[in-house]
């Protein structure tokens, strides 16, 4: 046995496998629901599941300002494989946050597996739920699948 075989995978390789497996959970769930129930019913069930999960994920942020939530993402997202940067500006006497995502584990994992782009079932659903639950208003300004170097979202307080 070589030294490499005895040591097993490096920490970095193990981390990438875990990030990829986590990043594929929602795309594979969505795909399985479509395969099982058909497109319309599968999408309806997926949205219900996504919303239930969204409510649970955001419960920890109840009563907090969207700016505080954005800054929490900067601390949490890199552990999940994201490269993220938040920029805060003032526009028309109100704060506006710009979320720069230059590495998306969902996009990387789905491309690697030749699966459909995850944007509609992950980012677009987050935007939809944030509006529905009055957390904030998101607007996509740049999109990596469209050829941009990053996904860029403008985030404002919900009015």
Protein backbone atom coordinates (compact mmCIF):
# COMPACT_ATOMS: atom_id res chain seq x y z
CA UNK A 1 0.00 0.00 0.00
CA UNK A 2 1.27 3.47 -0.82
CA UNK A 3 1.35 6.27 1.73
CA UNK A 4 -1.56 7.95 -0.07
CA UNK A 5 -3.74 4.82 0.22
CA UNK A 6 -2.91 4.43 3.91
CA UNK A 7 -3.83 8.02 4.72
CA UNK A 8 -7.12 7.99 2.84
CA UNK A 9 -8.68 11.12 1.46
CA UNK A 10 -7.40 14.52 2.46
CA UNK A 11 -9.52 16.79 4.62
CA UNK A 12 -10.15 18.99 1.57
CA UNK A 13 -11.42 16.03 -0.50
CA UNK A 14 -13.70 14.91 2.32
CA UNK A 15 -15.04 18.45 2.71
CA UNK A 16 -15.79 18.70 -1.02
CA UNK A 17 -17.68 15.38 -0.95
CA UNK A 18 -19.79 16.54 2.00
CA UNK A 19 -20.48 19.94 0.43
CA UNK A 20 -21.48 18.31 -2.86
CA UNK A 21 -23.75 15.76 -1.14
CA UNK A 22 -25.46 18.52 0.83
CA UNK A 23 -25.76 20.74 -2.25
CA UNK A 24 -27.51 17.95 -4.18
CA UNK A 25 -30.23 17.29 -1.58
CA UNK A 26 -32.77 19.80 -2.89
CA UNK A 27 -32.09 19.27 -6.61
CA UNK A 28 -32.41 15.50 -6.19
CA UNK A 29 -35.54 15.85 -4.05
CA UNK A 30 -37.09 18.09 -6.71
CA UNK A 31 -36.13 15.69 -9.48
CA UNK A 32 -37.56 12.71 -7.56
CA UNK A 33 -40.83 14.51 -6.89
CA UNK A 34 -41.20 15.38 -10.59
CA UNK A 35 -40.38 11.80 -11.59
CA UNK A 36 -42.87 10.41 -9.06
CA UNK A 37 -45.80 12.83 -9.34
CA UNK A 38 -45.33 14.59 -12.67
CA UNK A 39 -44.22 18.16 -13.20
CA UNK A 40 -47.22 20.08 -11.84
CA UNK A 41 -47.88 18.00 -8.72
CA UNK A 42 -44.15 17.48 -8.10
CA UNK A 43 -43.55 21.24 -8.20
CA UNK A 44 -46.49 21.87 -5.84
CA UNK A 45 -45.21 19.33 -3.31
CA UNK A 46 -41.65 20.65 -3.61
CA UNK A 47 -42.82 24.20 -2.93
CA UNK A 48 -44.76 23.06 0.15
CA UNK A 49 -41.70 21.19 1.47
CA UNK A 50 -39.43 24.14 0.66
CA UNK A 51 -41.75 26.54 2.48
CA UNK A 52 -41.92 24.30 5.56
CA UNK A 53 -38.12 24.13 5.63
CA UNK A 54 -37.87 27.89 4.97
CA UNK A 55 -40.05 28.65 7.99
CA UNK A 56 -37.90 26.41 10.18
CA UNK A 57 -34.64 27.91 8.85
CA UNK A 58 -35.79 31.50 9.35
CA UNK A 59 -37.38 30.99 12.77
CA UNK A 60 -33.98 31.67 14.35
CA UNK A 61 -34.06 35.14 12.76
CA UNK A 62 -37.51 36.20 14.00
CA UNK A 63 -37.51 39.83 15.06
CA UNK A 64 -34.09 40.50 13.56
CA UNK A 65 -33.36 43.07 10.90
CA UNK A 66 -32.60 41.85 7.40
CA UNK A 67 -29.14 43.44 7.73
CA UNK A 68 -28.35 41.22 10.72
CA UNK A 69 -29.53 38.19 8.76
CA UNK A 70 -27.30 39.14 5.81
CA UNK A 71 -24.28 39.40 8.08
CA UNK A 72 -25.07 35.99 9.61
CA UNK A 73 -24.91 34.51 6.10
CA UNK A 74 -21.34 35.75 5.76
CA UNK A 75 -20.41 33.64 8.77
CA UNK A 76 -22.44 30.54 7.87
CA UNK A 77 -22.32 30.22 4.07
CA UNK A 78 -18.56 29.60 3.61
CA UNK A 79 -18.81 26.44 5.72
CA UNK A 80 -21.35 25.16 3.19
CA UNK A 81 -19.09 25.85 0.19
CA UNK A 82 -20.25 29.33 -0.77
CA UNK A 83 -18.02 32.29 -1.50
CA UNK A 84 -20.03 35.27 -0.33
CA UNK A 85 -19.51 38.96 0.22
CA UNK A 86 -22.10 41.44 1.52
CA UNK A 87 -21.93 45.09 0.63
CA UNK A 88 -24.17 47.60 2.44
CA UNK A 89 -25.09 50.94 0.87
CA UNK A 90 -27.55 53.75 1.48
CA UNK A 91 -29.95 54.55 -1.35
CA UNK A 92 -32.81 57.03 -1.00
CA UNK A 93 -32.21 57.17 2.75
CA UNK A 94 -32.65 53.43 3.21
CA UNK A 95 -30.13 50.62 3.60
CA UNK A 96 -29.61 48.27 0.66
CA UNK A 97 -27.51 45.12 0.82
CA UNK A 98 -25.77 43.58 -2.16
CA UNK A 99 -25.08 39.89 -1.80
CA UNK A 100 -22.21 38.75 -4.03
CA UNK A 101 -22.03 34.98 -4.50
CA UNK A 102 -19.01 33.95 -6.54
CA UNK A 103 -19.12 30.23 -5.76
CA UNK A 104 -22.35 28.27 -5.47
CA UNK A 105 -22.14 24.66 -4.27
CA UNK A 106 -25.58 23.87 -5.74
CA UNK A 107 -24.53 25.09 -9.17
CA UNK A 108 -21.19 23.29 -9.02
CA UNK A 109 -22.77 19.99 -7.90
CA UNK A 110 -25.59 20.02 -10.46
CA UNK A 111 -23.24 20.90 -13.30
CA UNK A 112 -20.90 18.09 -12.26
CA UNK A 113 -23.82 15.62 -12.37
CA UNK A 114 -25.39 17.09 -15.55
CA UNK A 115 -28.57 17.94 -13.63
CA UNK A 116 -30.83 20.93 -14.34
CA UNK A 117 -29.69 24.28 -12.97
CA UNK A 118 -30.70 24.68 -9.33
CA UNK A 119 -31.52 28.40 -9.49
CA UNK A 120 -35.28 28.06 -9.91
CA UNK A 121 -35.71 25.58 -7.10
CA UNK A 122 -33.31 27.15 -4.60
CA UNK A 123 -32.52 30.85 -5.10
CA UNK A 124 -35.80 31.76 -6.79
CA UNK A 125 -37.70 29.89 -4.07
CA UNK A 126 -35.76 31.76 -1.34
CA UNK A 127 -36.67 35.05 -3.05
CA UNK A 128 -40.33 34.00 -3.31
CA UNK A 129 -40.49 32.91 0.34
CA UNK A 130 -38.71 36.04 1.62
CA UNK A 131 -41.36 38.15 -0.09
CA UNK A 132 -44.27 35.94 0.95
CA UNK A 133 -43.15 35.92 4.58
CA UNK A 134 -42.21 39.63 4.54
CA UNK A 135 -38.56 39.04 5.39
CA UNK A 136 -37.16 41.21 2.60
CA UNK A 137 -37.22 41.98 -1.10
CA UNK A 138 -34.58 40.31 -3.27
CA UNK A 139 -33.75 41.23 -6.85
CA UNK A 140 -31.24 39.30 -8.97
CA UNK A 141 -28.82 41.63 -10.77
CA UNK A 142 -26.24 39.11 -12.03
CA UNK A 143 -26.40 35.39 -12.70
CA UNK A 144 -23.49 32.96 -13.11
CA UNK A 145 -25.40 30.58 -15.42
CA UNK A 146 -25.97 33.57 -17.73
CA UNK A 147 -22.21 34.09 -17.97
CA UNK A 148 -21.64 36.54 -15.13
CA UNK A 149 -18.71 36.01 -12.78
CA UNK A 150 -21.07 35.96 -9.79
CA UNK A 151 -24.69 35.91 -8.75
CA UNK A 152 -25.56 39.29 -7.33
CA UNK A 153 -28.70 40.05 -5.38
CA UNK A 154 -30.01 43.42 -4.21
CA UNK A 155 -31.77 43.03 -0.88
CA UNK A 156 -34.03 45.60 0.73
CA UNK A 157 -36.21 45.62 3.77
CA UNK A 158 -39.74 44.46 3.14
CA UNK A 159 -42.24 47.33 2.85
